[in-house]
C-alpha atoms as a PDB file:
ATOM      1  CA  MET A   1     -26.773  -0.064  -7.134  1.00  0.00           C
ATOM      2  CA  GLY A   2     -30.168  -1.750  -6.849  1.00  0.00           C
ATOM      3  CA  ASN A   3     -31.989  -2.165  -3.548  1.00  0.00           C
ATOM      4  CA  ASN A   4     -31.200  -5.910  -3.404  1.00  0.00           C
ATOM      5  CA  LYS A   5     -27.484  -5.231  -3.862  1.00  0.00           C
ATOM      6  CA  LYS A   6     -27.608  -2.576  -1.113  1.00  0.00           C
ATOM      7  CA  ILE A   7     -29.316  -5.004   1.255  1.00  0.00           C
ATOM      8  CA  VAL A   8     -26.760  -7.737   0.483  1.00  0.00           C
ATOM      9  CA  ALA A   9     -23.900  -5.237   0.994  1.00  0.00           C
ATOM     10  CA  ALA A  10     -25.342  -4.102   4.345  1.00  0.00           C
ATOM     11  CA  ILE A  11     -25.895  -7.678   5.556  1.00  0.00           C
ATOM     12  CA  SER A  12     -22.366  -8.662   4.448  1.00  0.00           C
ATOM     13  CA  PHE A  13     -20.888  -5.675   6.289  1.00  0.00           C
ATOM     14  CA  VAL A  14     -22.730  -6.515   9.504  1.00  0.00           C
ATOM     15  CA  ALA A  15     -21.752 -10.201   9.257  1.00  0.00           C
ATOM     16  CA  VAL A  16     -18.055  -9.423   8.746  1.00  0.00           C
ATOM     17  CA  ALA A  17     -18.016  -6.798  11.504  1.00  0.00           C
ATOM     18  CA  SER A  18     -19.833  -9.150  13.883  1.00  0.00           C
ATOM     19  CA  PHE A  19     -17.361 -11.981  13.155  1.00  0.00           C
ATOM     20  CA  ALA A  20     -14.394  -9.657  13.718  1.00  0.00           C
ATOM     21  CA  ALA A  21     -15.910  -8.262  16.905  1.00  0.00           C
ATOM     22  CA  GLY A  22     -16.578 -11.777  18.187  1.00  0.00           C
ATOM     23  CA  ALA A  23     -12.991 -12.820  17.494  1.00  0.00           C
ATOM     24  CA  VAL A  24     -11.548  -9.749  19.200  1.00  0.00           C
ATOM     25  CA  TRP A  25     -13.996  -9.713  22.098  1.00  0.00           C
ATOM     26  CA  GLY A  26     -13.629 -13.478  22.632  1.00  0.00           C
ATOM     27  CA  GLN A  27     -12.425 -12.954  26.197  1.00  0.00           C
ATOM     28  CA  SER A  28     -15.574 -11.013  27.051  1.00  0.00           C
ATOM     29  CA  ALA A  29     -17.738 -13.618  25.284  1.00  0.00           C
ATOM     30  CA  ALA A  30     -16.041 -16.447  27.243  1.00  0.00           C
ATOM     31  CA  LYS A  31     -16.984 -14.714  30.494  1.00  0.00           C
ATOM     32  CA  ARG A  32     -20.506 -14.217  29.116  1.00  0.00           C
ATOM     33  CA  GLU A  33     -20.524 -10.596  30.237  1.00  0.00           C
ATOM     34  CA  PRO A  34     -21.896  -7.831  28.032  1.00  0.00           C
ATOM     35  CA  VAL A  35     -19.718  -4.842  27.194  1.00  0.00           C
ATOM     36  CA  ILE A  36     -21.589  -1.546  27.028  1.00  0.00           C
ATOM     37  CA  THR A  37     -20.085   1.890  26.431  1.00  0.00           C
ATOM     38  CA  LEU A  38     -22.299   4.960  26.264  1.00  0.00           C
ATOM     39  CA  LEU A  39     -21.331   7.704  23.812  1.00  0.00           C
ATOM     40  CA  ALA A  40     -20.652  10.049  26.741  1.00  0.00           C
ATOM     41  CA  ASP A  41     -18.075   7.536  28.048  1.00  0.00           C
ATOM     42  CA  VAL A  42     -16.197   6.928  24.772  1.00  0.00           C
ATOM     43  CA  LYS A  43     -12.436   7.539  25.127  1.00  0.00           C
ATOM     44  CA  TRP A  44     -11.485   9.629  22.087  1.00  0.00           C
ATOM     45  CA  GLN A  45      -7.870   9.954  20.959  1.00  0.00           C
ATOM     46  CA  PRO A  46      -6.663  12.633  18.531  1.00  0.00           C
ATOM     47  CA  LEU A  47      -5.516  11.379  15.134  1.00  0.00           C
ATOM     48  CA  ASP A  48      -3.378  14.513  14.762  1.00  0.00           C
ATOM     49  CA  PRO A  49      -1.468  15.310  17.973  1.00  0.00           C
ATOM     50  CA  ASN A  50      -0.969  18.909  16.793  1.00  0.00           C
ATOM     51  CA  ALA A  51      -4.731  19.493  16.447  1.00  0.00           C
ATOM     52  CA  GLY A  52      -5.703  17.691  19.663  1.00  0.00           C
ATOM     53  CA  ALA A  53      -9.427  17.631  20.407  1.00  0.00           C
ATOM     54  CA  ALA A  54     -10.043  20.331  17.766  1.00  0.00           C
ATOM     55  CA  GLY A  55      -9.141  17.864  14.976  1.00  0.00           C
ATOM     56  CA  PRO A  56     -10.354  14.398  13.972  1.00  0.00           C
ATOM     57  CA  GLN A  57     -10.461  11.828  16.776  1.00  0.00           C
ATOM     58  CA  ALA A  58     -10.884   8.052  16.936  1.00  0.00           C
ATOM     59  CA  ALA A  59     -12.070   5.542  19.510  1.00  0.00           C
ATOM     60  CA  VAL A  60     -11.325   1.831  19.182  1.00  0.00           C
ATOM     61  CA  VAL A  61     -14.500  -0.281  19.317  1.00  0.00           C
ATOM     62  CA  PHE A  62     -12.559  -3.513  18.725  1.00  0.00           C
ATOM     63  CA  GLY A  63      -9.065  -4.377  17.541  1.00  0.00           C
ATOM     64  CA  ASP A  64      -5.673  -2.747  18.000  1.00  0.00           C
ATOM     65  CA  MET A  65      -4.503   0.429  16.229  1.00  0.00           C
ATOM     66  CA  LYS A  66      -0.936  -0.948  16.113  1.00  0.00           C
ATOM     67  CA  LYS A  67      -1.781  -4.197  14.293  1.00  0.00           C
ATOM     68  CA  LYS A  68      -2.572  -4.964  10.658  1.00  0.00           C
ATOM     69  CA  ALA A  69      -5.688  -6.872  11.722  1.00  0.00           C
ATOM     70  CA  PRO A  70      -9.428  -6.192  11.645  1.00  0.00           C
ATOM     71  CA  ILE A  71     -10.377  -3.066  13.553  1.00  0.00           C
ATOM     72  CA  GLY A  72     -13.590  -1.172  14.168  1.00  0.00           C
ATOM     73  CA  LEU A  73     -13.319   2.510  14.993  1.00  0.00           C
ATOM     74  CA  LEU A  74     -15.595   5.383  15.813  1.00  0.00           C
ATOM     75  CA  PHE A  75     -14.455   8.590  14.138  1.00  0.00           C
ATOM     76  CA  LYS A  76     -15.447  12.025  15.381  1.00  0.00           C
ATOM     77  CA  VAL A  77     -14.742  14.811  12.901  1.00  0.00           C
ATOM     78  CA  PRO A  78     -15.326  18.535  13.448  1.00  0.00           C
ATOM     79  CA  GLY A  79     -17.380  20.377  10.857  1.00  0.00           C
ATOM     80  CA  GLY A  80     -16.495  23.583   9.062  1.00  0.00           C
ATOM     81  CA  ASP A  81     -12.886  24.418   8.189  1.00  0.00           C
ATOM     82  CA  GLY A  82     -11.461  21.607  10.369  1.00  0.00           C
ATOM     83  CA  GLY A  83     -13.786  19.034   8.848  1.00  0.00           C
ATOM     84  CA  GLU A  84     -11.941  18.181   5.637  1.00  0.00           C
ATOM     85  CA  ALA A  85      -9.341  15.430   5.872  1.00  0.00           C
ATOM     86  CA  GLY A  86      -7.398  16.336   2.726  1.00  0.00           C
ATOM     87  CA  LEU A  87      -6.376  13.812   0.084  1.00  0.00           C
ATOM     88  CA  HIS A  88      -5.192  10.553   1.656  1.00  0.00           C
ATOM     89  CA  THR A  89      -5.147   6.768   1.300  1.00  0.00           C
ATOM     90  CA  HIS A  90      -5.497   3.708   3.526  1.00  0.00           C
ATOM     91  CA  SER A  91      -3.852   0.330   2.840  1.00  0.00           C
ATOM     92  CA  SER A  92      -7.083  -1.512   3.645  1.00  0.00           C
ATOM     93  CA  ASP A  93     -10.509  -1.193   2.119  1.00  0.00           C
ATOM     94  CA  PHE A  94     -12.838   0.340   4.665  1.00  0.00           C
ATOM     95  CA  TYR A  95     -16.545   0.411   5.295  1.00  0.00           C
ATOM     96  CA  GLY A  96     -18.252   3.322   7.020  1.00  0.00           C
ATOM     97  CA  VAL A  97     -21.652   3.919   8.580  1.00  0.00           C
ATOM     98  CA  SER A  98     -22.683   7.472   9.421  1.00  0.00           C
ATOM     99  CA  ILE A  99     -24.011   7.776  12.967  1.00  0.00           C
ATOM    100  CA  ALA A 100     -24.397  11.542  13.342  1.00  0.00           C
ATOM    101  CA  GLY A 101     -23.859  14.561  11.137  1.00  0.00           C
ATOM    102  CA  SER A 102     -23.395  14.795   7.389  1.00  0.00           C
ATOM    103  CA  PHE A 103     -20.273  13.133   5.933  1.00  0.00           C
ATOM    104  CA  HIS A 104     -18.967  13.307   2.396  1.00  0.00           C
ATOM    105  CA  ASN A 105     -16.526  10.851   0.777  1.00  0.00           C
ATOM    106  CA  TRP A 106     -15.179  11.297  -2.719  1.00  0.00           C
ATOM    107  CA  ALA A 107     -12.373  10.126  -4.983  1.00  0.00           C
ATOM    108  CA  GLU A 108      -9.546  12.350  -6.152  1.00  0.00           C
ATOM    109  CA  GLY A 109     -10.561  14.534  -9.091  1.00  0.00           C
ATOM    110  CA  GLN A 110     -14.276  14.053  -8.437  1.00  0.00           C
ATOM    111  CA  PRO A 111     -16.726  16.598  -7.017  1.00  0.00           C
ATOM    112  CA  GLU A 112     -17.540  16.320  -3.313  1.00  0.00           C
ATOM    113  CA  GLY A 113     -19.709  13.250  -2.763  1.00  0.00           C
ATOM    114  CA  PRO A 114     -23.336  13.366  -1.643  1.00  0.00           C
ATOM    115  CA  ALA A 115     -24.181  13.902   2.022  1.00  0.00           C
ATOM    116  CA  ILE A 116     -24.085  10.613   3.931  1.00  0.00           C
ATOM    117  CA  THR A 117     -26.358  11.172   6.912  1.00  0.00           C
ATOM    118  CA  SER A 118     -27.271   8.980   9.884  1.00  0.00           C
ATOM    119  CA  GLY A 119     -27.749   5.378   8.759  1.00  0.00           C
ATOM    120  CA  GLY A 120     -26.111   5.877   5.357  1.00  0.00           C
ATOM    121  CA  PHE A 121     -23.000   3.866   4.559  1.00  0.00           C
ATOM    122  CA  TRP A 122     -20.117   3.716   2.095  1.00  0.00           C
ATOM    123  CA  MET A 123     -17.115   1.612   1.072  1.00  0.00           C
ATOM    124  CA  GLN A 124     -13.727   3.014   0.090  1.00  0.00           C
ATOM    125  CA  PRO A 125     -11.275   0.718  -1.737  1.00  0.00           C
ATOM    126  CA  GLY A 126      -7.819   0.419  -0.196  1.00  0.00           C
ATOM    127  CA  LYS A 127      -5.060   2.545  -1.731  1.00  0.00           C
ATOM    128  CA  GLY A 128      -7.692   4.752  -3.405  1.00  0.00           C
ATOM    129  CA  VAL A 129      -6.890   8.458  -3.107  1.00  0.00           C
ATOM    130  CA  HIS A 130      -9.915  10.133  -1.580  1.00  0.00           C
ATOM    131  CA  ASN A 131     -11.092  12.936   0.668  1.00  0.00           C
ATOM    132  CA  ASN A 132     -13.693  13.229   3.417  1.00  0.00           C
ATOM    133  CA  SER A 133     -15.463  16.153   4.983  1.00  0.00           C
ATOM    134  CA  CYS A 134     -18.130  17.005   7.534  1.00  0.00           C
ATOM    135  CA  ASP A 135     -20.523  19.838   6.763  1.00  0.00           C
ATOM    136  CA  THR A 136     -22.427  19.843  10.050  1.00  0.00           C
ATOM    137  CA  LYS A 137     -21.167  20.940  13.483  1.00  0.00           C
ATOM    138  CA  GLU A 138     -19.704  17.470  14.101  1.00  0.00           C
ATOM    139  CA  CYS A 139     -19.800  14.060  12.412  1.00  0.00           C
ATOM    140  CA  ILE A 140     -19.477  10.600  13.946  1.00  0.00           C
ATOM    141  CA  ALA A 141     -19.112   7.391  11.947  1.00  0.00           C
ATOM    142  CA  PHE A 142     -18.327   3.761  12.631  1.00  0.00           C
ATOM    143  CA  THR A 143     -15.644   2.401  10.307  1.00  0.00           C
ATOM    144  CA  TYR A 144     -14.379  -1.125   9.768  1.00  0.00           C
ATOM    145  CA  PHE A 145     -10.893  -1.785   8.340  1.00  0.00           C
ATOM    146  CA  PRO A 146     -10.394  -5.539   7.616  1.00  0.00           C
ATOM    147  CA  LYS A 147      -6.586  -5.148   7.346  1.00  0.00           C
ATOM    148  CA  GLY A 148      -5.965  -2.577  10.069  1.00  0.00           C
ATOM    149  CA  PHE A 149      -5.996   1.218  10.154  1.00  0.00           C
ATOM    150  CA  ASP A 150      -3.379   3.458   8.629  1.00  0.00           C
ATOM    151  CA  GLN A 151      -3.554   6.738   6.776  1.00  0.00           C
ATOM    152  CA  GLN A 152      -1.075   8.339   4.396  1.00  0.00           C
ATOM    153  CA  PRO A 153      -1.379  11.837   2.959  1.00  0.00           C
ATOM    154  CA  ALA A 154      -1.604  11.864  -0.837  1.00  0.00           C
ATOM    155  CA  LYS A 155      -0.508  14.519  -3.276  1.00  0.00           C
ATOM    156  CA  ALA A 156      -2.980  15.691  -5.863  1.00  0.00           C
ATOM    157  CA  ALA A 157      -2.353  14.265  -9.291  1.00  0.00           C
ATOM    158  CA  PRO A 158      -0.864  16.769 -11.721  1.00  0.00           C
ATOM    159  CA  PRO A 159      -3.352  18.226 -14.179  1.00  0.00           C
ATOM    160  CA  ALA A 160      -3.642  16.403 -17.479  1.00  0.00           C
ATOM    161  CA  LYS A 161      -1.411  17.789 -20.217  1.00  0.00           C
ATOM    162  CA  LYS A 162      -3.200  19.515 -23.050  1.00  0.00           C
ATOM    163  CA  THR A 163      -2.572  18.093 -26.460  1.00  0.00           C
ATOM    164  CA  PRO A 164      -2.099  20.542 -29.314  1.00  0.00           C
END
């Protein structure tokens, strides 16, 4: 992807996220009051109740986890053995921006993707089987799901049959 295409993709992402945030935060905008949340004050919720705070966690920046509508989330993922999500899919495309740590995102059957460090971003097509991992102590990313957040585990595809 050329530099111009990357710039256009980044500007498009920011424009869409800003529009969605404005629509969701309309009440706050009508009052003309800023909304500020420091990282230390973010309310994290476990994505896996069995893992609790030791597993991946999310915090809603805007939107509603229960609706199939635009949503922006912060994800906090532990590194090391707990840092790989396993093969999964999402109904919606999603766009991610790495804030801290070193994320990887890759499609099923592909080698682990390159390290996406602070400021790097990626897009994952909806319904695409993929995996994510964190290879630093902890990773935090902002993600935008235009059609709402969901996640389904995916089984690995069977190996290709050898032809005689």
